[in-house]
C-alpha atoms as a PDB file:
ATOM      1  CA  MET A   1      -3.931  52.616  57.628  1.00  0.00           C
ATOM      2  CA  PRO A   2      -0.145  52.768  57.012  1.00  0.00           C
ATOM      3  CA  ILE A   3       1.385  50.378  54.492  1.00  0.00           C
ATOM      4  CA  THR A   4       4.036  48.213  56.112  1.00  0.00           C
ATOM      5  CA  LYS A   5       6.916  46.587  54.295  1.00  0.00           C
ATOM      6  CA  ASN A   6       5.421  43.101  54.815  1.00  0.00           C
ATOM      7  CA  SER A   7       2.021  44.078  53.436  1.00  0.00           C
ATOM      8  CA  TYR A   8       3.704  45.748  50.448  1.00  0.00           C
ATOM      9  CA  PHE A   9       5.652  42.617  49.525  1.00  0.00           C
ATOM     10  CA  LYS A  10       2.579  40.484  50.124  1.00  0.00           C
ATOM     11  CA  SER A  11       0.525  42.648  47.746  1.00  0.00           C
ATOM     12  CA  ALA A  12       3.318  42.639  45.171  1.00  0.00           C
ATOM     13  CA  GLY A  13       3.519  38.858  45.403  1.00  0.00           C
ATOM     14  CA  LEU A  14      -0.211  38.484  44.848  1.00  0.00           C
ATOM     15  CA  VAL A  15      -0.055  40.775  41.813  1.00  0.00           C
ATOM     16  CA  ALA A  16       2.854  38.808  40.357  1.00  0.00           C
ATOM     17  CA  PHE A  17       1.000  35.530  40.920  1.00  0.00           C
ATOM     18  CA  ALA A  18      -2.137  36.915  39.239  1.00  0.00           C
ATOM     19  CA  VAL A  19      -0.123  38.099  36.227  1.00  0.00           C
ATOM     20  CA  ALA A  20       1.633  34.732  35.896  1.00  0.00           C
ATOM     21  CA  LEU A  21      -1.690  32.927  36.164  1.00  0.00           C
ATOM     22  CA  LEU A  22      -3.225  35.158  33.477  1.00  0.00           C
ATOM     23  CA  ILE A  23      -0.287  34.562  31.146  1.00  0.00           C
ATOM     24  CA  GLY A  24      -0.614  30.810  31.680  1.00  0.00           C
ATOM     25  CA  ILE A  25      -4.327  30.884  30.895  1.00  0.00           C
ATOM     26  CA  LEU A  26      -3.763  32.930  27.740  1.00  0.00           C
ATOM     27  CA  ALA A  27      -0.957  30.634  26.627  1.00  0.00           C
ATOM     28  CA  ALA A  28      -3.133  27.554  27.161  1.00  0.00           C
ATOM     29  CA  ALA A  29      -5.888  29.168  25.119  1.00  0.00           C
ATOM     30  CA  GLY A  30      -3.475  29.872  22.274  1.00  0.00           C
ATOM     31  CA  PHE A  31      -3.298  33.655  22.666  1.00  0.00           C
ATOM     32  CA  GLY A  32       0.031  35.134  21.689  1.00  0.00           C
ATOM     33  CA  GLN A  33       1.081  31.973  19.819  1.00  0.00           C
ATOM     34  CA  ASP A  34       2.228  32.478  16.252  1.00  0.00           C
ATOM     35  CA  PRO A  35      -0.416  30.620  14.186  1.00  0.00           C
ATOM     36  CA  GLY A  36       2.028  30.147  11.319  1.00  0.00           C
ATOM     37  CA  ARG A  37       4.475  28.277  13.553  1.00  0.00           C
ATOM     38  CA  LYS A  38       1.656  26.035  14.731  1.00  0.00           C
ATOM     39  CA  VAL A  39       0.645  25.252  11.139  1.00  0.00           C
ATOM     40  CA  PHE A  40       4.229  24.482  10.150  1.00  0.00           C
ATOM     41  CA  GLU A  41       4.772  22.328  13.227  1.00  0.00           C
ATOM     42  CA  THR A  42       1.654  20.219  12.731  1.00  0.00           C
ATOM     43  CA  LYS A  43       1.427  20.151   8.919  1.00  0.00           C
ATOM     44  CA  CYS A  44       4.918  20.584   7.481  1.00  0.00           C
ATOM     45  CA  PHE A  45       7.710  19.814   9.946  1.00  0.00           C
ATOM     46  CA  SER A  46       7.601  16.042   9.513  1.00  0.00           C
ATOM     47  CA  CYS A  47       8.972  16.471   5.960  1.00  0.00           C
ATOM     48  CA  HIS A  48      10.402  20.016   5.807  1.00  0.00           C
ATOM     49  CA  ASN A  49      12.821  22.299   7.627  1.00  0.00           C
ATOM     50  CA  ILE A  50      13.241  26.032   7.646  1.00  0.00           C
ATOM     51  CA  GLY A  51      16.984  26.513   7.748  1.00  0.00           C
ATOM     52  CA  GLY A  52      17.855  22.995   8.895  1.00  0.00           C
ATOM     53  CA  GLY A  53      18.544  21.350   5.536  1.00  0.00           C
ATOM     54  CA  ASN A  54      16.554  19.008   3.305  1.00  0.00           C
ATOM     55  CA  LYS A  55      14.556  16.104   4.762  1.00  0.00           C
ATOM     56  CA  GLN A  56      11.931  14.063   2.897  1.00  0.00           C
ATOM     57  CA  GLY A  57      11.113  17.368   1.221  1.00  0.00           C
ATOM     58  CA  PRO A  58      13.226  20.466   0.538  1.00  0.00           C
ATOM     59  CA  ASP A  59      14.340  23.006   3.118  1.00  0.00           C
ATOM     60  CA  LEU A  60      11.895  25.910   2.799  1.00  0.00           C
ATOM     61  CA  LYS A  61      14.289  28.663   3.838  1.00  0.00           C
ATOM     62  CA  GLY A  62      13.958  31.519   1.334  1.00  0.00           C
ATOM     63  CA  VAL A  63      11.208  29.819  -0.682  1.00  0.00           C
ATOM     64  CA  THR A  64       8.967  32.901  -0.386  1.00  0.00           C
ATOM     65  CA  ASP A  65      11.648  34.865  -2.248  1.00  0.00           C
ATOM     66  CA  ARG A  66      12.177  32.208  -4.925  1.00  0.00           C
ATOM     67  CA  ARG A  67       8.491  31.582  -5.694  1.00  0.00           C
ATOM     68  CA  SER A  68       5.465  33.811  -6.017  1.00  0.00           C
ATOM     69  CA  GLU A  69       2.727  33.666  -3.414  1.00  0.00           C
ATOM     70  CA  GLU A  70       0.240  32.327  -5.973  1.00  0.00           C
ATOM     71  CA  TRP A  71       2.641  29.543  -7.025  1.00  0.00           C
ATOM     72  CA  LEU A  72       3.278  28.498  -3.434  1.00  0.00           C
ATOM     73  CA  LYS A  73      -0.402  28.422  -2.503  1.00  0.00           C
ATOM     74  CA  GLU A  74      -1.332  26.279  -5.503  1.00  0.00           C
ATOM     75  CA  PHE A  75       1.586  23.894  -4.972  1.00  0.00           C
ATOM     76  CA  ILE A  76       0.876  23.445  -1.251  1.00  0.00           C
ATOM     77  CA  ARG A  77      -2.797  22.709  -1.867  1.00  0.00           C
ATOM     78  CA  THR A  78      -2.452  20.455  -4.946  1.00  0.00           C
ATOM     79  CA  PRO A  79       1.207  19.471  -5.496  1.00  0.00           C
ATOM     80  CA  THR A  80       0.575  16.347  -7.589  1.00  0.00           C
ATOM     81  CA  ALA A  81      -1.834  18.078  -9.951  1.00  0.00           C
ATOM     82  CA  MET A  82       0.539  21.009 -10.308  1.00  0.00           C
ATOM     83  CA  SER A  83       3.494  18.718 -11.065  1.00  0.00           C
ATOM     84  CA  ARG A  84       1.667  17.595 -14.201  1.00  0.00           C
ATOM     85  CA  LYS A  85       1.508  21.083 -15.684  1.00  0.00           C
ATOM     86  CA  ASP A  86       4.366  23.070 -14.119  1.00  0.00           C
ATOM     87  CA  GLN A  87       8.005  22.291 -14.917  1.00  0.00           C
ATOM     88  CA  ASP A  88       9.368  23.595 -11.603  1.00  0.00           C
ATOM     89  CA  ALA A  89       6.878  21.510  -9.648  1.00  0.00           C
ATOM     90  CA  ALA A  90       7.729  18.455 -11.751  1.00  0.00           C
ATOM     91  CA  SER A  91      11.445  18.999 -11.045  1.00  0.00           C
ATOM     92  CA  LEU A  92      10.783  19.055  -7.310  1.00  0.00           C
ATOM     93  CA  PHE A  93       8.928  15.757  -7.512  1.00  0.00           C
ATOM     94  CA  LYS A  94      11.812  14.278  -9.492  1.00  0.00           C
ATOM     95  CA  ASP A  95      14.470  15.568  -7.084  1.00  0.00           C
ATOM     96  CA  PHE A  96      12.737  14.076  -4.038  1.00  0.00           C
ATOM     97  CA  ALA A  97      11.365  10.891  -5.626  1.00  0.00           C
ATOM     98  CA  PRO A  98       9.965   8.487  -4.610  1.00  0.00           C
ATOM     99  CA  GLU A  99       8.367  10.763  -1.981  1.00  0.00           C
ATOM    100  CA  ILE A 100       5.017  12.271  -2.996  1.00  0.00           C
ATOM    101  CA  MET A 101       3.778  15.333  -1.157  1.00  0.00           C
ATOM    102  CA  PRO A 102       0.105  14.950  -0.189  1.00  0.00           C
ATOM    103  CA  ASP A 103      -2.417  17.723  -0.818  1.00  0.00           C
ATOM    104  CA  GLN A 104      -2.781  20.105   2.135  1.00  0.00           C
ATOM    105  CA  SER A 105      -6.244  21.400   3.029  1.00  0.00           C
ATOM    106  CA  LEU A 106      -5.348  24.743   4.608  1.00  0.00           C
ATOM    107  CA  THR A 107      -7.694  27.658   5.090  1.00  0.00           C
ATOM    108  CA  ASP A 108      -6.747  31.021   3.612  1.00  0.00           C
ATOM    109  CA  GLU A 109      -5.812  32.257   7.103  1.00  0.00           C
ATOM    110  CA  GLU A 110      -3.615  29.220   7.763  1.00  0.00           C
ATOM    111  CA  MET A 111      -1.931  29.577   4.376  1.00  0.00           C
ATOM    112  CA  ASP A 112      -1.185  33.274   4.873  1.00  0.00           C
ATOM    113  CA  SER A 113       0.171  32.750   8.380  1.00  0.00           C
ATOM    114  CA  LEU A 114       2.314  29.815   7.190  1.00  0.00           C
ATOM    115  CA  LEU A 115       3.933  31.795   4.377  1.00  0.00           C
ATOM    116  CA  LYS A 116       4.475  34.731   6.735  1.00  0.00           C
ATOM    117  CA  THR A 117       6.251  32.489   9.236  1.00  0.00           C
ATOM    118  CA  ILE A 118       8.483  30.974   6.541  1.00  0.00           C
ATOM    119  CA  LYS A 119       9.465  34.444   5.330  1.00  0.00           C
ATOM    120  CA  THR A 120      10.042  35.818   8.836  1.00  0.00           C
ATOM    121  CA  LEU A 121      12.304  32.930   9.865  1.00  0.00           C
ATOM    122  CA  SER A 122      14.122  32.971   6.526  1.00  0.00           C
ATOM    123  CA  ASP A 123      14.816  36.716   6.684  1.00  0.00           C
ATOM    124  CA  SER A 124      16.036  36.524  10.288  1.00  0.00           C
ATOM    125  CA  GLY A 125      18.210  33.477   9.670  1.00  0.00           C
ATOM    126  CA  GLU A 126      16.394  31.613  12.466  1.00  0.00           C
ATOM    127  CA  MET A 127      15.940  27.844  12.181  1.00  0.00           C
ATOM    128  CA  PHE A 128      12.512  26.438  13.005  1.00  0.00           C
ATOM    129  CA  THR A 129      12.363  24.338  16.159  1.00  0.00           C
ATOM    130  CA  PRO A 130       9.125  22.622  17.275  1.00  0.00           C
ATOM    131  CA  GLU A 131       7.664  23.463  20.662  1.00  0.00           C
ATOM    132  CA  GLY A 132       5.308  20.560  21.341  1.00  0.00           C
ATOM    133  CA  ALA A 133       7.248  17.514  20.116  1.00  0.00           C
ATOM    134  CA  LYS A 134       7.823  15.910  23.512  1.00  0.00           C
ATOM    135  CA  LEU A 135       6.627  12.705  25.141  1.00  0.00           C
ATOM    136  CA  ALA A 136       4.523  13.014  28.283  1.00  0.00           C
ATOM    137  CA  ARG A 137       6.883  10.724  30.192  1.00  0.00           C
ATOM    138  CA  PRO A 138      10.005   8.556  29.737  1.00  0.00           C
ATOM    139  CA  ILE A 139       9.616   5.246  27.907  1.00  0.00           C
ATOM    140  CA  ARG A 140       9.310   2.095  30.025  1.00  0.00           C
ATOM    141  CA  ARG A 141      10.093  -1.465  28.923  1.00  0.00           C
ATOM    142  CA  SER A 142       6.424  -2.453  29.019  1.00  0.00           C
ATOM    143  CA  ASP A 143       5.537   0.315  26.524  1.00  0.00           C
ATOM    144  CA  VAL A 144       6.877  -1.713  23.577  1.00  0.00           C
ATOM    145  CA  ARG A 145       4.403  -4.525  24.265  1.00  0.00           C
ATOM    146  CA  GLU A 146       1.504  -2.124  24.812  1.00  0.00           C
ATOM    147  CA  GLY A 147       2.441  -0.205  21.663  1.00  0.00           C
ATOM    148  CA  TRP A 148       2.414  -3.449  19.679  1.00  0.00           C
ATOM    149  CA  ARG A 149      -1.070  -4.249  21.002  1.00  0.00           C
ATOM    150  CA  LEU A 150      -2.313  -0.792  19.963  1.00  0.00           C
ATOM    151  CA  PHE A 151      -0.637  -1.050  16.553  1.00  0.00           C
ATOM    152  CA  THR A 152      -2.161  -4.449  15.773  1.00  0.00           C
ATOM    153  CA  GLY A 153      -5.611  -3.645  17.152  1.00  0.00           C
ATOM    154  CA  GLN A 154      -5.438  -6.168  19.999  1.00  0.00           C
ATOM    155  CA  LYS A 155      -5.957  -3.179  22.281  1.00  0.00           C
ATOM    156  CA  GLU A 156      -8.361  -0.433  21.211  1.00  0.00           C
ATOM    157  CA  PHE A 157      -7.422   3.238  21.221  1.00  0.00           C
ATOM    158  CA  GLU A 158      -9.224   5.078  23.997  1.00  0.00           C
ATOM    159  CA  ASN A 159     -10.822   7.642  21.671  1.00  0.00           C
ATOM    160  CA  GLY A 160     -11.902   5.134  19.035  1.00  0.00           C
ATOM    161  CA  GLY A 161      -9.112   5.519  16.484  1.00  0.00           C
ATOM    162  CA  VAL A 162      -8.499   2.686  14.017  1.00  0.00           C
ATOM    163  CA  ALA A 163      -5.569   0.347  14.575  1.00  0.00           C
ATOM    164  CA  CYS A 164      -2.354   1.328  12.803  1.00  0.00           C
ATOM    165  CA  SER A 165      -2.251  -2.057  11.049  1.00  0.00           C
ATOM    166  CA  THR A 166      -5.423  -1.141   9.173  1.00  0.00           C
ATOM    167  CA  CYS A 167      -3.303   0.970   6.837  1.00  0.00           C
ATOM    168  CA  HIS A 168       0.310   0.081   7.672  1.00  0.00           C
ATOM    169  CA  GLY A 169       2.540  -2.948   7.780  1.00  0.00           C
ATOM    170  CA  ILE A 170       5.667  -3.440   9.850  1.00  0.00           C
ATOM    171  CA  GLY A 171       8.471  -5.994   9.676  1.00  0.00           C
ATOM    172  CA  SER A 172       7.249  -8.251  12.459  1.00  0.00           C
ATOM    173  CA  PHE A 173       3.910  -8.756  10.725  1.00  0.00           C
ATOM    174  CA  GLY A 174       5.112 -10.709   7.731  1.00  0.00           C
ATOM    175  CA  SER A 175       4.051 -10.226   4.130  1.00  0.00           C
ATOM    176  CA  TYR A 176       0.301  -9.920   4.619  1.00  0.00           C
ATOM    177  CA  GLY A 177      -0.042  -8.786   8.220  1.00  0.00           C
ATOM    178  CA  GLY A 178      -0.664  -5.069   7.693  1.00  0.00           C
ATOM    179  CA  GLY A 179      -2.551  -2.763   5.395  1.00  0.00           C
ATOM    180  CA  THR A 180      -1.061  -1.152   2.312  1.00  0.00           C
ATOM    181  CA  LEU A 181      -2.931   2.144   2.164  1.00  0.00           C
ATOM    182  CA  GLY A 182       0.015   3.722   3.985  1.00  0.00           C
ATOM    183  CA  PRO A 183       3.749   2.910   3.855  1.00  0.00           C
ATOM    184  CA  ASP A 184       5.459   0.128   5.786  1.00  0.00           C
ATOM    185  CA  LEU A 185       6.623   1.565   9.125  1.00  0.00           C
ATOM    186  CA  THR A 186       9.520  -0.766   9.907  1.00  0.00           C
ATOM    187  CA  ALA A 187      12.058   1.995   9.308  1.00  0.00           C
ATOM    188  CA  THR A 188       9.914   4.949  10.306  1.00  0.00           C
ATOM    189  CA  ASN A 189      12.271   5.822  13.184  1.00  0.00           C
ATOM    190  CA  ILE A 190      15.089   5.974  10.641  1.00  0.00           C
ATOM    191  CA  LYS A 191      13.118   8.100   8.208  1.00  0.00           C
ATOM    192  CA  TYR A 192      11.894  10.559  10.860  1.00  0.00           C
ATOM    193  CA  ARG A 193      13.735  12.035  13.804  1.00  0.00           C
ATOM    194  CA  ASP A 194      12.117  11.615  17.197  1.00  0.00           C
ATOM    195  CA  PRO A 195      10.454  15.079  17.329  1.00  0.00           C
ATOM    196  CA  GLU A 196       9.019  14.615  13.838  1.00  0.00           C
ATOM    197  CA  LEU A 197       7.545  11.205  14.626  1.00  0.00           C
ATOM    198  CA  ILE A 198       6.098  12.425  17.921  1.00  0.00           C
ATOM    199  CA  LEU A 199       4.425  15.306  16.103  1.00  0.00           C
ATOM    200  CA  ILE A 200       2.916  12.923  13.544  1.00  0.00           C
ATOM    201  CA  LEU A 201       1.410  10.882  16.370  1.00  0.00           C
ATOM    202  CA  GLN A 202       0.171  14.032  18.117  1.00  0.00           C
ATOM    203  CA  GLU A 203      -1.172  15.800  15.020  1.00  0.00           C
ATOM    204  CA  PRO A 204      -1.311  13.486  11.966  1.00  0.00           C
ATOM    205  CA  ASN A 205      -0.559  15.675   8.963  1.00  0.00           C
ATOM    206  CA  PHE A 206      -1.215  13.261   6.102  1.00  0.00           C
ATOM    207  CA  PRO A 207      -4.685  13.716   4.553  1.00  0.00           C
ATOM    208  CA  THR A 208      -6.008  10.201   5.205  1.00  0.00           C
ATOM    209  CA  MET A 209      -4.695  10.142   8.770  1.00  0.00           C
ATOM    210  CA  THR A 210      -5.977  13.660   9.410  1.00  0.00           C
ATOM    211  CA  GLU A 211      -9.522  12.624   8.527  1.00  0.00           C
ATOM    212  CA  MET A 212      -9.387   9.310  10.370  1.00  0.00           C
ATOM    213  CA  PHE A 213      -8.033  10.788  13.606  1.00  0.00           C
ATOM    214  CA  ARG A 214      -9.666  14.222  13.535  1.00  0.00           C
ATOM    215  CA  ASP A 215     -12.111  13.229  16.294  1.00  0.00           C
ATOM    216  CA  HIS A 216     -10.124  10.263  17.601  1.00  0.00           C
ATOM    217  CA  LYS A 217      -6.796  11.676  18.774  1.00  0.00           C
ATOM    218  CA  LEU A 218      -4.333   9.471  20.583  1.00  0.00           C
ATOM    219  CA  THR A 219      -3.908  10.064  24.304  1.00  0.00           C
ATOM    220  CA  GLU A 220      -0.499  11.072  25.656  1.00  0.00           C
ATOM    221  CA  GLU A 221      -0.076   7.581  27.093  1.00  0.00           C
ATOM    222  CA  GLU A 222      -0.893   5.945  23.739  1.00  0.00           C
ATOM    223  CA  ILE A 223       1.575   8.220  21.938  1.00  0.00           C
ATOM    224  CA  VAL A 224       4.341   7.094  24.307  1.00  0.00           C
ATOM    225  CA  GLN A 225       3.492   3.437  23.750  1.00  0.00           C
ATOM    226  CA  VAL A 226       3.148   3.536  19.948  1.00  0.00           C
ATOM    227  CA  PHE A 227       6.331   5.618  19.714  1.00  0.00           C
ATOM    228  CA  ALA A 228       8.145   3.050  21.888  1.00  0.00           C
ATOM    229  CA  TYR A 229       7.018   0.218  19.593  1.00  0.00           C
ATOM    230  CA  LEU A 230       8.133   2.046  16.437  1.00  0.00           C
ATOM    231  CA  LYS A 231      11.472   2.884  18.047  1.00  0.00           C
ATOM    232  CA  HIS A 232      11.885  -0.772  19.013  1.00  0.00           C
ATOM    233  CA  SER A 233      11.189  -1.776  15.417  1.00  0.00           C
ATOM    234  CA  LYS A 234      14.142   0.347  14.321  1.00  0.00           C
ATOM    235  CA  GLU A 235      16.398  -1.390  16.843  1.00  0.00           C
ATOM    236  CA  VAL A 236      15.252  -4.838  15.705  1.00  0.00           C
ATOM    237  CA  SER A 237      15.641  -3.992  11.987  1.00  0.00           C
ATOM    238  CA  PRO A 238      18.382  -1.314  11.803  1.00  0.00           C
ATOM    239  CA  ASN A 239      18.967  -1.918   8.081  1.00  0.00           C
ATOM    240  CA  ALA A 240      15.331  -1.877   7.002  1.00  0.00           C
ATOM    241  CA  ALA A 241      14.604  -0.082   3.732  1.00  0.00           C
ATOM    242  CA  ILE A 242      12.855   3.246   4.175  1.00  0.00           C
ATOM    243  CA  ALA A 243       9.384   3.161   2.635  1.00  0.00           C
ATOM    244  CA  ALA A 244       8.467   6.286   0.735  1.00  0.00           C
ATOM    245  CA  THR A 245       5.204   8.163   1.052  1.00  0.00           C
ATOM    246  CA  THR A 246       3.557   7.147  -2.216  1.00  0.00           C
ATOM    247  CA  ASP A 247       0.269   7.529  -4.006  1.00  0.00           C
ATOM    248  CA  SER A 248      -2.434   5.849  -1.912  1.00  0.00           C
ATOM    249  CA  GLY A 249      -4.071   4.679  -5.127  1.00  0.00           C
ATOM    250  CA  ALA A 250      -1.156   2.417  -5.960  1.00  0.00           C
ATOM    251  CA  VAL A 251      -2.017  -1.288  -6.257  1.00  0.00           C
ATOM    252  CA  GLU A 252       0.051  -3.912  -4.436  1.00  0.00           C
ATOM    253  CA  PRO A 253       1.061  -6.575  -7.029  1.00  0.00           C
ATOM    254  CA  ARG A 254       1.343  -9.335  -4.415  1.00  0.00           C
ATOM    255  CA  PHE A 255      -2.345  -9.021  -3.549  1.00  0.00           C
ATOM    256  CA  LEU A 256      -3.367  -9.199  -7.211  1.00  0.00           C
ATOM    257  CA  ILE A 257      -1.201 -12.276  -7.761  1.00  0.00           C
ATOM    258  CA  THR A 258      -2.448 -13.920  -4.575  1.00  0.00           C
ATOM    259  CA  GLY A 259      -6.076 -13.214  -5.501  1.00  0.00           C
ATOM    260  CA  PHE A 260      -5.589 -14.647  -8.988  1.00  0.00           C
ATOM    261  CA  VAL A 261      -3.920 -17.822  -7.677  1.00  0.00           C
ATOM    262  CA  PHE A 262      -6.642 -18.430  -5.065  1.00  0.00           C
ATOM    263  CA  THR A 263      -9.375 -17.823  -7.654  1.00  0.00           C
ATOM    264  CA  VAL A 264      -7.868 -20.404 -10.007  1.00  0.00           C
ATOM    265  CA  LEU A 265      -7.432 -22.927  -7.197  1.00  0.00           C
ATOM    266  CA  ALA A 266     -11.020 -22.365  -6.051  1.00  0.00           C
ATOM    267  CA  LEU A 267     -12.379 -22.954  -9.563  1.00  0.00           C
ATOM    268  CA  VAL A 268     -10.301 -26.129  -9.965  1.00  0.00           C
ATOM    269  CA  GLY A 269     -11.454 -27.392  -6.556  1.00  0.00           C
ATOM    270  CA  LEU A 270     -15.132 -26.726  -7.296  1.00  0.00           C
ATOM    271  CA  ASN A 271     -14.848 -28.436 -10.640  1.00  0.00           C
ATOM    272  CA  PHE A 272     -13.317 -31.512  -8.968  1.00  0.00           C
ATOM    273  CA  VAL A 273     -15.993 -31.678  -6.250  1.00  0.00           C
ATOM    274  CA  TRP A 274     -18.827 -31.320  -8.758  1.00  0.00           C
ATOM    275  CA  ARG A 275     -17.215 -33.326 -11.569  1.00  0.00           C
ATOM    276  CA  LYS A 276     -20.166 -35.794 -11.655  1.00  0.00           C
ATOM    277  CA  ARG A 277     -22.870 -33.151 -11.453  1.00  0.00           C
ATOM    278  CA  HIS A 278     -24.051 -33.842 -15.040  1.00  0.00           C
ATOM    279  CA  GLY A 279     -23.632 -37.650 -14.928  1.00  0.00           C
ATOM    280  CA  ASN A 280     -27.294 -38.642 -14.484  1.00  0.00           C
ATOM    281  CA  VAL A 281     -28.533 -36.128 -17.004  1.00  0.00           C
ATOM    282  CA  ARG A 282     -26.043 -37.274 -19.615  1.00  0.00           C
ATOM    283  CA  GLY A 283     -26.915 -40.910 -18.939  1.00  0.00           C
ATOM    284  CA  ASP A 284     -30.609 -40.290 -19.530  1.00  0.00           C
ATOM    285  CA  ILE A 285     -29.865 -38.451 -22.748  1.00  0.00           C
ATOM    286  CA  VAL A 286     -27.681 -41.313 -24.024  1.00  0.00           C
ATOM    287  CA  GLU A 287     -30.287 -43.951 -23.159  1.00  0.00           C
ATOM    288  CA  ARG A 288     -33.062 -42.030 -24.882  1.00  0.00           C
ATOM    289  CA  SER A 289     -30.951 -41.579 -27.978  1.00  0.00           C
ATOM    290  CA  LYS A 290     -30.778 -45.391 -28.313  1.00  0.00           C
ATOM    291  CA  ILE A 291     -34.543 -45.790 -28.473  1.00  0.00           C
END
């Protein structure tokens, strides 16, 4: 059977479609994606650049040439502990105070691929740009209200995640409205650029958040809404002080003072209510002593 021009182009089109479909499937499954870029995007980019200048932490361009592999691996995994025994690590903490880099639980494969990516981009002079830091849709006016409901816990996250206010405060809450395990988020849209904040909501890269949301990821719709609320907070409080990422073991003085004051008031109140609790007993004792 002779091959006509139409059948040739039809066959070629089917082949091209099949190839494109295969590439799409492989891309969705993660094949061909640089694992080091993925690690940097989800674990490091919120605080670090490669070639884009300092952020909350230092620009990592050329760091693989300045530090040994062993030094980098130990610092990435346990930065606070290392800062107590290594002068260079201590200097980094001092230079970027009051920020405190959290420990990073990376596998050996993730660590190796991360350092390889940093070196490759540094040597080529290429600046790291995230691939996945995009919202699923444009922000609508109603998203601010829905984001506030999610943040405060008035509306539950679809996958069972805890409300943001469990660990964080924000300006509109007042002094005692939010948790203190994490920093106040009033100025989070000032501290982080939009792609960085979106990535944090997509793939939380702080140890406590990572554990809490490992099996309770936010949906794309929830990310849009929480992001809209945080962005609105920046617009409402443009001069808010940026809260640093600090040691989660730090104690909030206002809660200690408040607890002490309420304890004293409670003891005074109980003593007033029960001030006559020994009256009858004392009366009997006095009467008997007269006999």
